[in-house]
Amino acid sequence: MNEGSSWHGITHHHSSTFDTLAMDPVLKQSIVDDLDRFLGRRDYYRRIGKAWKCGYLLYGPPGTGKSSLIAAMANYLRFNLYDLDLLEVR
């Protein structure tokens, strides 16, 4: 898969946070609570031998805030984001 190519990191700062996100406050708090629960279970996953990961499936037309939500989540968790152009994957 993509022999000869390599990953290159870039610094990307997205200003989206949960404070700036236009979203139903109850749903927003539910997501924050889920992220906090995820962070708190790292040692548990290590103890049981499972991968420490969390996934969300977002769908909708362009411009509905999917990317802003992901950026807010990454900023909240202080995680890096990776943008994979699937047209480049062979």
PDB file of N, CA and C in Angstrom:
ATOM      1  N   MET A   1       0.830  -1.180   0.000  1.00  0.00           N
ATOM      2  CA  MET A   1       0.000   0.000   0.000  1.00  0.00           C
ATOM      3  C   MET A   1       0.874   1.242   0.000  1.00  0.00           C
ATOM      4  N   ASN A   2       0.778   2.017  -1.007  1.00  0.00           N
ATOM      5  CA  ASN A   2       1.492   3.280  -1.112  1.00  0.00           C
ATOM      6  C   ASN A   2       2.991   3.126  -0.869  1.00  0.00           C
ATOM      7  N   GLU A   3       3.611   2.115  -1.487  1.00  0.00           N
ATOM      8  CA  GLU A   3       5.044   1.941  -1.323  1.00  0.00           C
ATOM      9  C   GLU A   3       5.766   3.208  -1.752  1.00  0.00           C
ATOM     10  N   GLY A   4       6.795   3.546  -1.018  1.00  0.00           N
ATOM     11  CA  GLY A   4       7.592   4.711  -1.361  1.00  0.00           C
ATOM     12  C   GLY A   4       7.065   6.012  -0.790  1.00  0.00           C
ATOM     13  N   SER A   5       5.859   6.027  -0.300  1.00  0.00           N
ATOM     14  CA  SER A   5       5.345   7.262   0.286  1.00  0.00           C
ATOM     15  C   SER A   5       5.508   7.200   1.797  1.00  0.00           C
ATOM     16  N   SER A   6       5.416   8.326   2.418  1.00  0.00           N
ATOM     17  CA  SER A   6       5.523   8.358   3.872  1.00  0.00           C
ATOM     18  C   SER A   6       4.537   9.375   4.428  1.00  0.00           C
ATOM     19  N   TRP A   7       4.290   9.259   5.705  1.00  0.00           N
ATOM     20  CA  TRP A   7       3.405  10.190   6.388  1.00  0.00           C
ATOM     21  C   TRP A   7       4.200  11.431   6.756  1.00  0.00           C
ATOM     22  N   HIS A   8       3.582  12.561   6.606  1.00  0.00           N
ATOM     23  CA  HIS A   8       4.208  13.815   6.996  1.00  0.00           C
ATOM     24  C   HIS A   8       3.246  14.562   7.907  1.00  0.00           C
ATOM     25  N   GLY A   9       3.759  14.995   9.028  1.00  0.00           N
ATOM     26  CA  GLY A   9       2.930  15.733   9.963  1.00  0.00           C
ATOM     27  C   GLY A   9       2.911  17.216   9.638  1.00  0.00           C
ATOM     28  N   ILE A  10       1.803  17.843   9.932  1.00  0.00           N
ATOM     29  CA  ILE A  10       1.698  19.289   9.800  1.00  0.00           C
ATOM     30  C   ILE A  10       1.066  19.828  11.076  1.00  0.00           C
ATOM     31  N   THR A  11       1.342  21.050  11.378  1.00  0.00           N
ATOM     32  CA  THR A  11       0.710  21.686  12.523  1.00  0.00           C
ATOM     33  C   THR A  11      -0.555  22.368  12.036  1.00  0.00           C
ATOM     34  N   HIS A  12      -1.661  21.963  12.597  1.00  0.00           N
ATOM     35  CA  HIS A  12      -2.948  22.526  12.201  1.00  0.00           C
ATOM     36  C   HIS A  12      -3.684  22.940  13.464  1.00  0.00           C
ATOM     37  N   HIS A  13      -4.048  24.187  13.529  1.00  0.00           N
ATOM     38  CA  HIS A  13      -4.783  24.681  14.690  1.00  0.00           C
ATOM     39  C   HIS A  13      -6.193  25.043  14.248  1.00  0.00           C
ATOM     40  N   HIS A  14      -7.152  24.314  14.748  1.00  0.00           N
ATOM     41  CA  HIS A  14      -8.551  24.596  14.449  1.00  0.00           C
ATOM     42  C   HIS A  14      -9.149  25.250  15.682  1.00  0.00           C
ATOM     43  N   SER A  15      -9.833  26.332  15.497  1.00  0.00           N
ATOM     44  CA  SER A  15     -10.336  27.106  16.636  1.00  0.00           C
ATOM     45  C   SER A  15     -11.592  26.517  17.269  1.00  0.00           C
ATOM     46  N   SER A  16     -12.122  25.464  16.705  1.00  0.00           N
ATOM     47  CA  SER A  16     -13.362  24.894  17.219  1.00  0.00           C
ATOM     48  C   SER A  16     -13.153  24.257  18.590  1.00  0.00           C
ATOM     49  N   THR A  17     -14.003  24.641  19.530  1.00  0.00           N
ATOM     50  CA  THR A  17     -14.019  24.040  20.863  1.00  0.00           C
ATOM     51  C   THR A  17     -15.477  23.772  21.218  1.00  0.00           C
ATOM     52  N   PHE A  18     -15.693  23.081  22.307  1.00  0.00           N
ATOM     53  CA  PHE A  18     -17.071  22.858  22.730  1.00  0.00           C
ATOM     54  C   PHE A  18     -17.738  24.164  23.156  1.00  0.00           C
ATOM     55  N   ASP A  19     -16.950  25.165  23.532  1.00  0.00           N
ATOM     56  CA  ASP A  19     -17.523  26.470  23.873  1.00  0.00           C
ATOM     57  C   ASP A  19     -18.012  27.214  22.636  1.00  0.00           C
ATOM     58  N   THR A  20     -17.362  26.994  21.492  1.00  0.00           N
ATOM     59  CA  THR A  20     -17.733  27.720  20.273  1.00  0.00           C
ATOM     60  C   THR A  20     -18.655  26.922  19.362  1.00  0.00           C
ATOM     61  N   LEU A  21     -18.896  25.671  19.682  1.00  0.00           N
ATOM     62  CA  LEU A  21     -19.693  24.786  18.837  1.00  0.00           C
ATOM     63  C   LEU A  21     -21.185  25.080  19.000  1.00  0.00           C
ATOM     64  N   ALA A  22     -21.870  25.306  17.889  1.00  0.00           N
ATOM     65  CA  ALA A  22     -23.321  25.515  17.906  1.00  0.00           C
ATOM     66  C   ALA A  22     -23.985  24.145  17.888  1.00  0.00           C
ATOM     67  N   MET A  23     -24.448  23.718  19.057  1.00  0.00           N
ATOM     68  CA  MET A  23     -24.993  22.369  19.195  1.00  0.00           C
ATOM     69  C   MET A  23     -25.938  22.342  20.383  1.00  0.00           C
ATOM     70  N   ASP A  24     -26.899  21.449  20.342  1.00  0.00           N
ATOM     71  CA  ASP A  24     -27.809  21.266  21.466  1.00  0.00           C
ATOM     72  C   ASP A  24     -26.987  21.038  22.736  1.00  0.00           C
ATOM     73  N   PRO A  25     -27.188  21.855  23.769  1.00  0.00           N
ATOM     74  CA  PRO A  25     -26.368  21.753  24.984  1.00  0.00           C
ATOM     75  C   PRO A  25     -26.421  20.377  25.655  1.00  0.00           C
ATOM     76  N   VAL A  26     -27.553  19.715  25.613  1.00  0.00           N
ATOM     77  CA  VAL A  26     -27.665  18.392  26.238  1.00  0.00           C
ATOM     78  C   VAL A  26     -26.822  17.375  25.465  1.00  0.00           C
ATOM     79  N   LEU A  27     -26.897  17.414  24.142  1.00  0.00           N
ATOM     80  CA  LEU A  27     -26.094  16.512  23.316  1.00  0.00           C
ATOM     81  C   LEU A  27     -24.605  16.813  23.480  1.00  0.00           C
ATOM     82  N   LYS A  28     -24.269  18.094  23.514  1.00  0.00           N
ATOM     83  CA  LYS A  28     -22.871  18.501  23.697  1.00  0.00           C
ATOM     84  C   LYS A  28     -22.323  17.951  25.010  1.00  0.00           C
ATOM     85  N   GLN A  29     -23.086  18.091  26.093  1.00  0.00           N
ATOM     86  CA  GLN A  29     -22.637  17.590  27.395  1.00  0.00           C
ATOM     87  C   GLN A  29     -22.522  16.073  27.384  1.00  0.00           C
ATOM     88  N   SER A  30     -23.415  15.409  26.674  1.00  0.00           N
ATOM     89  CA  SER A  30     -23.354  13.953  26.557  1.00  0.00           C
ATOM     90  C   SER A  30     -22.055  13.510  25.877  1.00  0.00           C
ATOM     91  N   ILE A  31     -21.649  14.230  24.850  1.00  0.00           N
ATOM     92  CA  ILE A  31     -20.402  13.901  24.154  1.00  0.00           C
ATOM     93  C   ILE A  31     -19.201  14.159  25.062  1.00  0.00           C
ATOM     94  N   VAL A  32     -19.198  15.288  25.756  1.00  0.00           N
ATOM     95  CA  VAL A  32     -18.098  15.599  26.680  1.00  0.00           C
ATOM     96  C   VAL A  32     -18.012  14.535  27.774  1.00  0.00           C
ATOM     97  N   ASP A  33     -19.155  14.130  28.314  1.00  0.00           N
ATOM     98  CA  ASP A  33     -19.165  13.080  29.342  1.00  0.00           C
ATOM     99  C   ASP A  33     -18.597  11.771  28.796  1.00  0.00           C
ATOM    100  N   ASP A  34     -18.950  11.440  27.555  1.00  0.00           N
ATOM    101  CA  ASP A  34     -18.434  10.220  26.937  1.00  0.00           C
ATOM    102  C   ASP A  34     -16.921  10.306  26.746  1.00  0.00           C
ATOM    103  N   LEU A  35     -16.428  11.469  26.329  1.00  0.00           N
ATOM    104  CA  LEU A  35     -14.984  11.649  26.153  1.00  0.00           C
ATOM    105  C   LEU A  35     -14.254  11.547  27.490  1.00  0.00           C
ATOM    106  N   ASP A  36     -14.833  12.116  28.536  1.00  0.00           N
ATOM    107  CA  ASP A  36     -14.229  12.010  29.868  1.00  0.00           C
ATOM    108  C   ASP A  36     -14.181  10.551  30.329  1.00  0.00           C
ATOM    109  N   ARG A  37     -15.252   9.824  30.073  1.00  0.00           N
ATOM    110  CA  ARG A  37     -15.303   8.402  30.439  1.00  0.00           C
ATOM    111  C   ARG A  37     -14.230   7.629  29.666  1.00  0.00           C
ATOM    112  N   PHE A  38     -14.091   7.941  28.385  1.00  0.00           N
ATOM    113  CA  PHE A  38     -13.067   7.312  27.554  1.00  0.00           C
ATOM    114  C   PHE A  38     -11.672   7.565  28.130  1.00  0.00           C
ATOM    115  N   LEU A  39     -11.381   8.816  28.480  1.00  0.00           N
ATOM    116  CA  LEU A  39     -10.072   9.145  29.042  1.00  0.00           C
ATOM    117  C   LEU A  39      -9.809   8.399  30.342  1.00  0.00           C
ATOM    118  N   GLY A  40     -10.843   8.237  31.139  1.00  0.00           N
ATOM    119  CA  GLY A  40     -10.685   7.592  32.435  1.00  0.00           C
ATOM    120  C   GLY A  40     -10.522   6.085  32.383  1.00  0.00           C
ATOM    121  N   ARG A  41     -10.711   5.490  31.237  1.00  0.00           N
ATOM    122  CA  ARG A  41     -10.656   4.029  31.136  1.00  0.00           C
ATOM    123  C   ARG A  41      -9.392   3.495  30.474  1.00  0.00           C
ATOM    124  N   ARG A  42      -8.402   4.318  30.305  1.00  0.00           N
ATOM    125  CA  ARG A  42      -7.180   3.877  29.624  1.00  0.00           C
ATOM    126  C   ARG A  42      -6.531   2.694  30.343  1.00  0.00           C
ATOM    127  N   ASP A  43      -6.367   2.805  31.648  1.00  0.00           N
ATOM    128  CA  ASP A  43      -5.741   1.712  32.404  1.00  0.00           C
ATOM    129  C   ASP A  43      -6.592   0.450  32.380  1.00  0.00           C
ATOM    130  N   TYR A  44      -7.898   0.616  32.426  1.00  0.00           N
ATOM    131  CA  TYR A  44      -8.792  -0.542  32.360  1.00  0.00           C
ATOM    132  C   TYR A  44      -8.576  -1.316  31.062  1.00  0.00           C
ATOM    133  N   TYR A  45      -8.532  -0.611  29.941  1.00  0.00           N
ATOM    134  CA  TYR A  45      -8.314  -1.282  28.658  1.00  0.00           C
ATOM    135  C   TYR A  45      -6.952  -1.962  28.615  1.00  0.00           C
ATOM    136  N   ARG A  46      -5.951  -1.340  29.192  1.00  0.00           N
ATOM    137  CA  ARG A  46      -4.618  -1.947  29.233  1.00  0.00           C
ATOM    138  C   ARG A  46      -4.659  -3.243  30.046  1.00  0.00           C
ATOM    139  N   ARG A  47      -5.358  -3.206  31.189  1.00  0.00           N
ATOM    140  CA  ARG A  47      -5.437  -4.396  32.050  1.00  0.00           C
ATOM    141  C   ARG A  47      -6.130  -5.564  31.364  1.00  0.00           C
ATOM    142  N   ILE A  48      -7.170  -5.294  30.581  1.00  0.00           N
ATOM    143  CA  ILE A  48      -7.898  -6.395  29.949  1.00  0.00           C
ATOM    144  C   ILE A  48      -7.345  -6.747  28.567  1.00  0.00           C
ATOM    145  N   GLY A  49      -6.309  -6.024  28.130  1.00  0.00           N
ATOM    146  CA  GLY A  49      -5.650  -6.356  26.876  1.00  0.00           C
ATOM    147  C   GLY A  49      -6.392  -5.925  25.625  1.00  0.00           C
ATOM    148  N   LYS A  50      -7.214  -4.911  25.735  1.00  0.00           N
ATOM    149  CA  LYS A  50      -7.956  -4.399  24.577  1.00  0.00           C
ATOM    150  C   LYS A  50      -7.377  -3.061  24.137  1.00  0.00           C
ATOM    151  N   ALA A  51      -7.559  -2.760  22.864  1.00  0.00           N
ATOM    152  CA  ALA A  51      -7.095  -1.479  22.333  1.00  0.00           C
ATOM    153  C   ALA A  51      -7.908  -0.345  22.947  1.00  0.00           C
ATOM    154  N   TRP A  52      -7.221   0.702  23.357  1.00  0.00           N
ATOM    155  CA  TRP A  52      -7.875   1.882  23.936  1.00  0.00           C
ATOM    156  C   TRP A  52      -8.244   2.800  22.787  1.00  0.00           C
ATOM    157  N   LYS A  53      -9.483   2.705  22.364  1.00  0.00           N
ATOM    158  CA  LYS A  53      -9.928   3.523  21.243  1.00  0.00           C
ATOM    159  C   LYS A  53     -11.410   3.818  21.381  1.00  0.00           C
ATOM    160  N   CYS A  54     -11.800   4.839  20.689  1.00  0.00           N
ATOM    161  CA  CYS A  54     -13.180   5.299  20.729  1.00  0.00           C
ATOM    162  C   CYS A  54     -13.536   5.762  19.319  1.00  0.00           C
ATOM    163  N   GLY A  55     -14.719   5.465  18.871  1.00  0.00           N
ATOM    164  CA  GLY A  55     -15.099   5.861  17.521  1.00  0.00           C
ATOM    165  C   GLY A  55     -16.471   6.511  17.481  1.00  0.00           C
ATOM    166  N   TYR A  56     -16.617   7.418  16.565  1.00  0.00           N
ATOM    167  CA  TYR A  56     -17.897   8.079  16.313  1.00  0.00           C
ATOM    168  C   TYR A  56     -18.155   8.023  14.817  1.00  0.00           C
ATOM    169  N   LEU A  57     -19.374   7.778  14.441  1.00  0.00           N
ATOM    170  CA  LEU A  57     -19.767   7.807  13.037  1.00  0.00           C
ATOM    171  C   LEU A  57     -20.592   9.068  12.824  1.00  0.00           C
ATOM    172  N   LEU A  58     -20.066   9.969  12.023  1.00  0.00           N
ATOM    173  CA  LEU A  58     -20.758  11.224  11.724  1.00  0.00           C
ATOM    174  C   LEU A  58     -21.204  11.198  10.273  1.00  0.00           C
ATOM    175  N   TYR A  59     -22.386  11.681  10.029  1.00  0.00           N
ATOM    176  CA  TYR A  59     -22.885  11.728   8.663  1.00  0.00           C
ATOM    177  C   TYR A  59     -23.709  12.988   8.485  1.00  0.00           C
ATOM    178  N   GLY A  60     -23.851  13.395   7.247  1.00  0.00           N
ATOM    179  CA  GLY A  60     -24.651  14.569   6.933  1.00  0.00           C
ATOM    180  C   GLY A  60     -24.047  15.314   5.766  1.00  0.00           C
ATOM    181  N   PRO A  61     -24.813  16.223   5.216  1.00  0.00           N
ATOM    182  CA  PRO A  61     -24.315  16.986   4.071  1.00  0.00           C
ATOM    183  C   PRO A  61     -23.193  17.939   4.483  1.00  0.00           C
ATOM    184  N   PRO A  62     -22.440  18.425   3.504  1.00  0.00           N
ATOM    185  CA  PRO A  62     -21.376  19.383   3.800  1.00  0.00           C
ATOM    186  C   PRO A  62     -21.927  20.613   4.526  1.00  0.00           C
ATOM    187  N   GLY A  63     -21.113  21.125   5.442  1.00  0.00           N
ATOM    188  CA  GLY A  63     -21.478  22.358   6.124  1.00  0.00           C
ATOM    189  C   GLY A  63     -22.343  22.192   7.357  1.00  0.00           C
ATOM    190  N   THR A  64     -22.503  20.968   7.841  1.00  0.00           N
ATOM    191  CA  THR A  64     -23.363  20.754   9.007  1.00  0.00           C
ATOM    192  C   THR A  64     -22.583  20.643  10.317  1.00  0.00           C
ATOM    193  N   GLY A  65     -21.246  20.800  10.265  1.00  0.00           N
ATOM    194  CA  GLY A  65     -20.455  20.852  11.487  1.00  0.00           C
ATOM    195  C   GLY A  65     -19.708  19.590  11.863  1.00  0.00           C
ATOM    196  N   LYS A  66     -19.648  18.618  10.970  1.00  0.00           N
ATOM    197  CA  LYS A  66     -18.947  17.369  11.296  1.00  0.00           C
ATOM    198  C   LYS A  66     -17.467  17.625  11.586  1.00  0.00           C
ATOM    199  N   SER A  67     -16.807  18.355  10.719  1.00  0.00           N
ATOM    200  CA  SER A  67     -15.374  18.640  10.912  1.00  0.00           C
ATOM    201  C   SER A  67     -15.144  19.510  12.138  1.00  0.00           C
ATOM    202  N   SER A  68     -16.032  20.451  12.390  1.00  0.00           N
ATOM    203  CA  SER A  68     -15.902  21.304  13.578  1.00  0.00           C
ATOM    204  C   SER A  68     -16.065  20.489  14.853  1.00  0.00           C
ATOM    205  N   LEU A  69     -16.974  19.522  14.849  1.00  0.00           N
ATOM    206  CA  LEU A  69     -17.147  18.656  16.015  1.00  0.00           C
ATOM    207  C   LEU A  69     -15.886  17.830  16.255  1.00  0.00           C
ATOM    208  N   ILE A  70     -15.327  17.266  15.201  1.00  0.00           N
ATOM    209  CA  ILE A  70     -14.099  16.474  15.342  1.00  0.00           C
ATOM    210  C   ILE A  70     -12.962  17.350  15.877  1.00  0.00           C
ATOM    211  N   ALA A  71     -12.844  18.570  15.360  1.00  0.00           N
ATOM    212  CA  ALA A  71     -11.802  19.484  15.839  1.00  0.00           C
ATOM    213  C   ALA A  71     -12.025  19.832  17.308  1.00  0.00           C
ATOM    214  N   ALA A  72     -13.273  20.073  17.699  1.00  0.00           N
ATOM    215  CA  ALA A  72     -13.572  20.376  19.103  1.00  0.00           C
ATOM    216  C   ALA A  72     -13.207  19.189  19.993  1.00  0.00           C
ATOM    217  N   MET A  73     -13.508  17.986  19.528  1.00  0.00           N
ATOM    218  CA  MET A  73     -13.168  16.787  20.295  1.00  0.00           C
ATOM    219  C   MET A  73     -11.653  16.648  20.431  1.00  0.00           C
ATOM    220  N   ALA A  74     -10.930  16.848  19.342  1.00  0.00           N
ATOM    221  CA  ALA A  74      -9.469  16.736  19.379  1.00  0.00           C
ATOM    222  C   ALA A  74      -8.870  17.802  20.294  1.00  0.00           C
ATOM    223  N   ASN A  75      -9.386  19.015  20.225  1.00  0.00           N
ATOM    224  CA  ASN A  75      -8.896  20.073  21.111  1.00  0.00           C
ATOM    225  C   ASN A  75      -9.191  19.743  22.570  1.00  0.00           C
ATOM    226  N   TYR A  76     -10.366  19.229  22.847  1.00  0.00           N
ATOM    227  CA  TYR A  76     -10.746  18.870  24.212  1.00  0.00           C
ATOM    228  C   TYR A  76      -9.833  17.771  24.760  1.00  0.00           C
ATOM    229  N   LEU A  77      -9.583  16.762  23.936  1.00  0.00           N
ATOM    230  CA  LEU A  77      -8.756  15.629  24.354  1.00  0.00           C
ATOM    231  C   LEU A  77      -7.258  15.916  24.252  1.00  0.00           C
ATOM    232  N   ARG A  78      -6.913  17.002  23.554  1.00  0.00           N
ATOM    233  CA  ARG A  78      -5.515  17.329  23.251  1.00  0.00           C
ATOM    234  C   ARG A  78      -4.870  16.208  22.429  1.00  0.00           C
ATOM    235  N   PHE A  79      -5.636  15.718  21.456  1.00  0.00           N
ATOM    236  CA  PHE A  79      -5.173  14.672  20.541  1.00  0.00           C
ATOM    237  C   PHE A  79      -4.837  15.298  19.199  1.00  0.00           C
ATOM    238  N   ASN A  80      -3.967  14.641  18.456  1.00  0.00           N
ATOM    239  CA  ASN A  80      -3.655  15.061  17.097  1.00  0.00           C
ATOM    240  C   ASN A  80      -4.751  14.596  16.148  1.00  0.00           C
ATOM    241  N   LEU A  81      -4.899  15.321  15.058  1.00  0.00           N
ATOM    242  CA  LEU A  81      -5.814  14.933  13.990  1.00  0.00           C
ATOM    243  C   LEU A  81      -5.009  14.500  12.779  1.00  0.00           C
ATOM    244  N   TYR A  82      -5.520  13.520  12.072  1.00  0.00           N
ATOM    245  CA  TYR A  82      -4.901  13.068  10.835  1.00  0.00           C
ATOM    246  C   TYR A  82      -5.956  13.090   9.750  1.00  0.00           C
ATOM    247  N   ASP A  83      -5.615  13.708   8.643  1.00  0.00           N
ATOM    248  CA  ASP A  83      -6.526  13.818   7.506  1.00  0.00           C
ATOM    249  C   ASP A  83      -6.011  12.898   6.415  1.00  0.00           C
ATOM    250  N   LEU A  84      -6.765  11.872   6.117  1.00  0.00           N
ATOM    251  CA  LEU A  84      -6.359  10.890   5.119  1.00  0.00           C
ATOM    252  C   LEU A  84      -7.198  11.082   3.868  1.00  0.00           C
ATOM    253  N   ASP A  85      -6.540  11.391   2.767  1.00  0.00           N
ATOM    254  CA  ASP A  85      -7.222  11.526   1.486  1.00  0.00           C
ATOM    255  C   ASP A  85      -7.340  10.135   0.880  1.00  0.00           C
ATOM    256  N   LEU A  86      -8.530   9.584   0.912  1.00  0.00           N
ATOM    257  CA  LEU A  86      -8.724   8.209   0.452  1.00  0.00           C
ATOM    258  C   LEU A  86      -8.485   8.045  -1.043  1.00  0.00           C
ATOM    259  N   LEU A  87      -8.486   9.134  -1.787  1.00  0.00           N
ATOM    260  CA  LEU A  87      -8.171   9.039  -3.213  1.00  0.00           C
ATOM    261  C   LEU A  87      -6.701   8.699  -3.434  1.00  0.00           C
ATOM    262  N   GLU A  88      -5.868   8.959  -2.423  1.00  0.00           N
ATOM    263  CA  GLU A  88      -4.439   8.685  -2.525  1.00  0.00           C
ATOM    264  C   GLU A  88      -4.076   7.266  -2.086  1.00  0.00           C
ATOM    265  N   VAL A  89      -4.998   6.547  -1.480  1.00  0.00           N
ATOM    266  CA  VAL A  89      -4.728   5.195  -0.988  1.00  0.00           C
ATOM    267  C   VAL A  89      -4.959   4.204  -2.114  1.00  0.00           C
ATOM    268  N   ARG A  90      -3.992   3.319  -2.296  1.00  0.00           N
ATOM    269  CA  ARG A  90      -4.133   2.293  -3.341  1.00  0.00           C
ATOM    270  C   ARG A  90      -4.239   0.932  -2.723  1.00  0.00           C
TER     271      ARG A  90
END
